[in-house]
Amino acid sequence: VQLQASGGGLVQAGGSLRLSCAASGSIFSINLMAWYRQAPGNKREQVAVITRGGYANYADSVKGRFTISRASRDNAWKAVYLQMNSLKSDDTAVYYCYAQVGPDPYWGQGTLVTVSS
């Protein structure tokens, strides 16, 4: 599975961004996809996850502000998105796309989100 993330950038506090992650390769085998982020000096943390069945879960810090969604067709995952609203300076981080195939993790390259206060 190959993952290509895009959509990061510089935004003012209170603004919005939409991250995209396009999936290719063994897209029929993906069980779930997620977004993680890592701020300087911090551990990588899960921001949001969405399962094959459409169940979504969020970190407490982003609930009510971020929405994860997916594009799929005939059980094939095409892409996952992260709509980020009401951004705060604490949301500044490199955001990574993640996919799980069985027990195996796959990571996309990071995309930097910078929120200026």
N, C-alpha and C. Protein backbone atom coordinates (compact mmCIF):
# COMPACT_ATOMS: atom_id res chain seq x y z
N VAL A 1 0.84 -1.19 0.00
CA VAL A 1 0.00 0.00 0.00
C VAL A 1 0.89 1.25 0.00
N GLN A 2 0.59 2.16 -0.90
CA GLN A 2 1.31 3.43 -0.95
C GLN A 2 0.34 4.55 -0.59
N LEU A 3 0.82 5.47 0.21
CA LEU A 3 -0.02 6.57 0.69
C LEU A 3 0.64 7.89 0.34
N GLN A 4 -0.12 8.80 -0.23
CA GLN A 4 0.38 10.11 -0.63
C GLN A 4 -0.47 11.18 0.03
N ALA A 5 0.13 11.87 1.00
CA ALA A 5 -0.59 12.90 1.74
C ALA A 5 -0.34 14.27 1.13
N SER A 6 -1.32 15.13 1.26
CA SER A 6 -1.21 16.50 0.77
C SER A 6 -2.17 17.39 1.53
N GLY A 7 -2.01 18.70 1.35
CA GLY A 7 -2.96 19.65 1.91
C GLY A 7 -2.46 20.47 3.08
N GLY A 8 -1.26 20.19 3.56
CA GLY A 8 -0.75 20.98 4.67
C GLY A 8 -0.41 22.40 4.22
N GLY A 9 -0.12 23.23 5.20
CA GLY A 9 0.24 24.61 4.88
C GLY A 9 0.19 25.48 6.12
N LEU A 10 0.26 26.77 5.87
CA LEU A 10 0.22 27.77 6.93
C LEU A 10 -1.17 28.38 7.00
N VAL A 11 -1.72 28.44 8.20
CA VAL A 11 -3.06 28.99 8.37
C VAL A 11 -3.09 29.75 9.70
N GLN A 12 -3.93 30.75 9.75
CA GLN A 12 -4.09 31.51 10.99
C GLN A 12 -4.97 30.74 11.97
N ALA A 13 -4.77 31.00 13.24
CA ALA A 13 -5.62 30.39 14.25
C ALA A 13 -7.08 30.71 13.96
N GLY A 14 -7.92 29.70 14.11
CA GLY A 14 -9.34 29.84 13.80
C GLY A 14 -9.68 29.45 12.38
N GLY A 15 -8.69 29.25 11.57
CA GLY A 15 -8.91 28.89 10.17
C GLY A 15 -9.10 27.40 9.98
N SER A 16 -9.17 27.01 8.71
CA SER A 16 -9.44 25.62 8.34
C SER A 16 -8.44 25.13 7.30
N LEU A 17 -8.22 23.83 7.32
CA LEU A 17 -7.44 23.14 6.28
C LEU A 17 -8.05 21.77 6.06
N ARG A 18 -7.84 21.25 4.87
CA ARG A 18 -8.30 19.90 4.57
C ARG A 18 -7.12 19.09 4.06
N LEU A 19 -6.80 18.03 4.77
CA LEU A 19 -5.73 17.14 4.36
C LEU A 19 -6.33 15.99 3.55
N SER A 20 -5.55 15.55 2.58
CA SER A 20 -5.96 14.42 1.75
C SER A 20 -4.86 13.37 1.75
N CYS A 21 -5.26 12.12 1.63
CA CYS A 21 -4.31 11.02 1.53
C CYS A 21 -4.84 10.04 0.50
N ALA A 22 -4.14 9.93 -0.60
CA ALA A 22 -4.54 9.01 -1.66
C ALA A 22 -3.85 7.67 -1.45
N ALA A 23 -4.62 6.60 -1.57
CA ALA A 23 -4.10 5.25 -1.38
C ALA A 23 -3.99 4.55 -2.71
N SER A 24 -2.95 3.74 -2.85
CA SER A 24 -2.78 2.93 -4.06
C SER A 24 -2.14 1.61 -3.66
N GLY A 25 -2.15 0.67 -4.58
CA GLY A 25 -1.61 -0.65 -4.28
C GLY A 25 -2.71 -1.59 -3.81
N SER A 26 -2.49 -2.27 -2.70
CA SER A 26 -3.44 -3.27 -2.20
C SER A 26 -4.58 -2.62 -1.43
N ILE A 27 -5.33 -1.78 -2.12
CA ILE A 27 -6.35 -0.97 -1.44
C ILE A 27 -7.57 -1.78 -1.02
N PHE A 28 -7.74 -2.98 -1.54
CA PHE A 28 -8.85 -3.82 -1.11
C PHE A 28 -8.57 -4.47 0.24
N SER A 29 -7.31 -4.45 0.66
CA SER A 29 -6.91 -5.15 1.88
C SER A 29 -6.83 -4.25 3.10
N ILE A 30 -7.08 -2.96 2.90
CA ILE A 30 -6.97 -2.03 4.02
C ILE A 30 -8.12 -2.23 4.99
N ASN A 31 -7.79 -2.31 6.28
CA ASN A 31 -8.82 -2.47 7.32
C ASN A 31 -9.28 -1.14 7.88
N LEU A 32 -8.33 -0.24 8.05
CA LEU A 32 -8.66 1.08 8.55
C LEU A 32 -7.60 2.06 8.10
N MET A 33 -7.95 3.33 8.16
CA MET A 33 -7.01 4.40 7.87
C MET A 33 -7.12 5.45 8.96
N ALA A 34 -6.05 6.17 9.14
CA ALA A 34 -6.02 7.13 10.24
C ALA A 34 -5.08 8.28 9.90
N TRP A 35 -5.19 9.32 10.70
CA TRP A 35 -4.26 10.44 10.67
C TRP A 35 -3.57 10.51 12.03
N TYR A 36 -2.26 10.65 11.98
CA TYR A 36 -1.45 10.89 13.16
C TYR A 36 -0.77 12.24 12.99
N ARG A 37 -0.26 12.75 14.09
CA ARG A 37 0.53 13.98 14.00
C ARG A 37 1.68 13.92 15.01
N GLN A 38 2.71 14.67 14.69
CA GLN A 38 3.86 14.74 15.58
C GLN A 38 4.37 16.18 15.60
N ALA A 39 4.30 16.77 16.77
CA ALA A 39 4.82 18.11 16.97
C ALA A 39 6.27 18.01 17.44
N PRO A 40 7.07 19.04 17.22
CA PRO A 40 8.47 19.00 17.66
C PRO A 40 8.59 18.66 19.14
N GLY A 41 9.42 17.65 19.44
CA GLY A 41 9.65 17.26 20.81
C GLY A 41 8.59 16.37 21.41
N ASN A 42 7.56 16.07 20.62
CA ASN A 42 6.46 15.23 21.12
C ASN A 42 6.44 13.89 20.41
N LYS A 43 5.75 12.94 21.03
CA LYS A 43 5.56 11.65 20.40
C LYS A 43 4.47 11.76 19.33
N ARG A 44 4.53 10.85 18.38
CA ARG A 44 3.48 10.80 17.37
C ARG A 44 2.19 10.34 18.04
N GLU A 45 1.10 11.02 17.75
CA GLU A 45 -0.18 10.69 18.36
C GLU A 45 -1.25 10.51 17.29
N GLN A 46 -2.20 9.64 17.58
CA GLN A 46 -3.31 9.44 16.65
C GLN A 46 -4.30 10.59 16.82
N VAL A 47 -4.69 11.13 15.70
CA VAL A 47 -5.64 12.24 15.69
C VAL A 47 -7.05 11.74 15.42
N ALA A 48 -7.17 10.89 14.40
CA ALA A 48 -8.48 10.37 14.02
C ALA A 48 -8.29 9.07 13.26
N VAL A 49 -9.28 8.20 13.37
CA VAL A 49 -9.23 6.91 12.68
C VAL A 49 -10.61 6.60 12.13
N ILE A 50 -10.64 5.93 11.00
CA ILE A 50 -11.91 5.49 10.42
C ILE A 50 -11.74 4.06 9.94
N THR A 51 -12.72 3.22 10.27
CA THR A 51 -12.64 1.80 9.94
C THR A 51 -13.34 1.49 8.63
N ARG A 52 -13.18 0.26 8.19
CA ARG A 52 -13.85 -0.19 6.97
C ARG A 52 -15.36 -0.04 7.09
N GLY A 53 -15.87 -0.23 8.31
CA GLY A 53 -17.30 -0.10 8.53
C GLY A 53 -17.78 1.32 8.68
N GLY A 54 -16.86 2.27 8.64
CA GLY A 54 -17.24 3.68 8.72
C GLY A 54 -17.21 4.26 10.11
N TYR A 55 -16.79 3.47 11.08
CA TYR A 55 -16.70 3.99 12.45
C TYR A 55 -15.51 4.94 12.56
N ALA A 56 -15.76 6.10 13.15
CA ALA A 56 -14.71 7.10 13.30
C ALA A 56 -14.50 7.42 14.77
N ASN A 57 -13.26 7.65 15.11
CA ASN A 57 -12.93 8.03 16.49
C ASN A 57 -11.87 9.12 16.45
N TYR A 58 -11.91 9.98 17.47
CA TYR A 58 -11.04 11.15 17.48
C TYR A 58 -10.32 11.30 18.81
N ALA A 59 -9.16 11.89 18.76
CA ALA A 59 -8.48 12.31 19.99
C ALA A 59 -9.33 13.38 20.66
N ASP A 60 -9.30 13.39 21.98
CA ASP A 60 -10.11 14.37 22.72
C ASP A 60 -9.77 15.80 22.32
N SER A 61 -8.52 16.03 21.99
CA SER A 61 -8.07 17.38 21.69
C SER A 61 -8.64 17.94 20.40
N VAL A 62 -9.19 17.08 19.54
CA VAL A 62 -9.70 17.55 18.24
C VAL A 62 -11.19 17.29 18.06
N LYS A 63 -11.81 16.64 19.02
CA LYS A 63 -13.25 16.34 18.89
C LYS A 63 -14.04 17.62 18.71
N GLY A 64 -14.96 17.58 17.77
CA GLY A 64 -15.79 18.74 17.48
C GLY A 64 -15.17 19.72 16.51
N ARG A 65 -13.88 19.54 16.22
CA ARG A 65 -13.19 20.46 15.30
C ARG A 65 -12.73 19.75 14.03
N PHE A 66 -12.32 18.50 14.15
CA PHE A 66 -11.79 17.74 13.02
C PHE A 66 -12.81 16.67 12.61
N THR A 67 -12.83 16.39 11.31
CA THR A 67 -13.69 15.33 10.79
C THR A 67 -12.89 14.48 9.81
N ILE A 68 -12.89 13.18 10.04
CA ILE A 68 -12.23 12.25 9.12
C ILE A 68 -13.28 11.64 8.21
N SER A 69 -12.95 11.49 6.97
CA SER A 69 -13.87 10.86 6.02
C SER A 69 -13.04 10.08 5.01
N ARG A 70 -13.74 9.31 4.20
CA ARG A 70 -12.99 8.47 3.25
C ARG A 70 -13.71 8.44 1.92
N ALA A 71 -12.97 8.07 0.91
CA ALA A 71 -13.52 7.81 -0.41
C ALA A 71 -13.23 6.35 -0.71
N SER A 72 -14.26 5.61 -1.00
CA SER A 72 -14.06 4.20 -1.33
C SER A 72 -15.05 3.80 -2.42
N ARG A 73 -14.72 2.72 -3.09
CA ARG A 73 -15.58 2.21 -4.15
C ARG A 73 -15.40 0.71 -4.24
N ASP A 74 -16.51 0.00 -4.15
CA ASP A 74 -16.46 -1.46 -4.26
C ASP A 74 -15.43 -2.05 -3.30
N ASN A 75 -15.48 -1.60 -2.04
CA ASN A 75 -14.60 -2.08 -0.97
C ASN A 75 -13.13 -1.70 -1.17
N ALA A 76 -12.84 -0.86 -2.10
CA ALA A 76 -11.48 -0.40 -2.29
C ALA A 76 -11.34 1.01 -1.72
N TRP A 77 -10.37 1.18 -0.84
CA TRP A 77 -10.12 2.48 -0.26
C TRP A 77 -9.41 3.35 -1.31
N LYS A 78 -9.95 4.48 -1.58
CA LYS A 78 -9.33 5.39 -2.53
C LYS A 78 -8.54 6.48 -1.83
N ALA A 79 -9.13 7.03 -0.76
CA ALA A 79 -8.51 8.15 -0.08
C ALA A 79 -9.13 8.34 1.29
N VAL A 80 -8.40 9.04 2.13
CA VAL A 80 -8.94 9.46 3.41
C VAL A 80 -8.65 10.95 3.56
N TYR A 81 -9.57 11.65 4.21
CA TYR A 81 -9.46 13.09 4.34
C TYR A 81 -9.54 13.49 5.81
N LEU A 82 -8.99 14.64 6.12
CA LEU A 82 -9.12 15.20 7.45
C LEU A 82 -9.48 16.67 7.30
N GLN A 83 -10.72 16.99 7.61
CA GLN A 83 -11.16 18.38 7.61
C GLN A 83 -10.87 18.96 8.99
N MET A 84 -10.08 20.01 9.01
CA MET A 84 -9.66 20.60 10.28
C MET A 84 -10.20 22.02 10.36
N ASN A 85 -11.07 22.26 11.32
CA ASN A 85 -11.66 23.58 11.53
C ASN A 85 -11.23 24.14 12.88
N SER A 86 -11.43 25.43 13.05
CA SER A 86 -11.10 26.09 14.31
C SER A 86 -9.70 25.72 14.78
N LEU A 87 -8.76 25.83 13.88
CA LEU A 87 -7.39 25.41 14.18
C LEU A 87 -6.77 26.28 15.27
N LYS A 88 -5.96 25.62 16.07
CA LYS A 88 -5.25 26.28 17.17
C LYS A 88 -3.74 26.12 16.96
N SER A 89 -2.98 26.93 17.66
CA SER A 89 -1.53 26.82 17.53
C SER A 89 -1.04 25.44 17.98
N ASP A 90 -1.76 24.83 18.92
CA ASP A 90 -1.38 23.49 19.39
C ASP A 90 -1.56 22.42 18.31
N ASP A 91 -2.26 22.74 17.25
CA ASP A 91 -2.44 21.79 16.16
C ASP A 91 -1.24 21.77 15.21
N THR A 92 -0.31 22.67 15.42
CA THR A 92 0.89 22.71 14.57
C THR A 92 1.68 21.42 14.73
N ALA A 93 1.91 20.74 13.60
CA ALA A 93 2.59 19.45 13.64
C ALA A 93 2.78 18.96 12.21
N VAL A 94 3.55 17.90 12.09
CA VAL A 94 3.59 17.15 10.84
C VAL A 94 2.50 16.08 10.94
N TYR A 95 1.63 16.05 9.96
CA TYR A 95 0.53 15.10 9.94
C TYR A 95 0.85 13.95 9.00
N TYR A 96 0.61 12.74 9.48
CA TYR A 96 0.92 11.53 8.73
C TYR A 96 -0.35 10.71 8.47
N CYS A 97 -0.44 10.21 7.29
CA CYS A 97 -1.50 9.29 6.91
C CYS A 97 -1.05 7.87 7.25
N TYR A 98 -2.00 7.05 7.68
CA TYR A 98 -1.69 5.68 8.13
C TYR A 98 -2.76 4.74 7.60
N ALA A 99 -2.32 3.55 7.21
CA ALA A 99 -3.25 2.50 6.81
C ALA A 99 -2.81 1.19 7.44
N GLN A 100 -3.77 0.37 7.75
CA GLN A 100 -3.47 -0.94 8.34
C GLN A 100 -4.01 -2.04 7.45
N VAL A 101 -3.14 -2.98 7.12
CA VAL A 101 -3.52 -4.15 6.33
C VAL A 101 -3.20 -5.37 7.17
N GLY A 102 -4.22 -6.02 7.69
CA GLY A 102 -3.98 -7.08 8.65
C GLY A 102 -3.24 -6.50 9.84
N PRO A 103 -2.12 -7.09 10.23
CA PRO A 103 -1.35 -6.54 11.35
C PRO A 103 -0.30 -5.52 10.90
N ASP A 104 -0.20 -5.26 9.62
CA ASP A 104 0.89 -4.46 9.06
C ASP A 104 0.51 -2.99 8.90
N PRO A 105 1.37 -2.11 9.42
CA PRO A 105 1.14 -0.67 9.28
C PRO A 105 1.81 -0.11 8.04
N TYR A 106 1.19 0.88 7.46
CA TYR A 106 1.76 1.60 6.32
C TYR A 106 1.63 3.09 6.60
N TRP A 107 2.69 3.80 6.29
CA TRP A 107 2.72 5.24 6.55
C TRP A 107 2.95 6.01 5.27
N GLY A 108 2.28 7.14 5.17
CA GLY A 108 2.59 8.08 4.11
C GLY A 108 3.64 9.06 4.59
N GLN A 109 4.10 9.88 3.67
CA GLN A 109 5.03 10.93 4.07
C GLN A 109 4.25 11.99 4.82
N GLY A 110 4.88 12.75 5.64
CA GLY A 110 4.18 13.75 6.43
C GLY A 110 3.87 15.00 5.63
N THR A 111 2.87 15.70 6.09
CA THR A 111 2.56 17.02 5.54
C THR A 111 2.47 18.00 6.70
N LEU A 112 3.18 19.11 6.56
CA LEU A 112 3.31 20.05 7.67
C LEU A 112 2.13 21.00 7.75
N VAL A 113 1.56 21.10 8.93
CA VAL A 113 0.51 22.07 9.22
C VAL A 113 1.05 23.04 10.26
N THR A 114 1.04 24.31 9.91
CA THR A 114 1.52 25.35 10.81
C THR A 114 0.37 26.33 11.07
N VAL A 115 0.02 26.49 12.34
CA VAL A 115 -1.06 27.40 12.71
C VAL A 115 -0.44 28.59 13.44
N SER A 116 -0.62 29.74 12.86
CA SER A 116 -0.05 30.95 13.46
C SER A 116 -1.08 31.62 14.36
N SER A 117 -0.60 32.10 15.48
CA SER A 117 -1.52 32.74 16.45
C SER A 117 -1.54 34.25 16.28
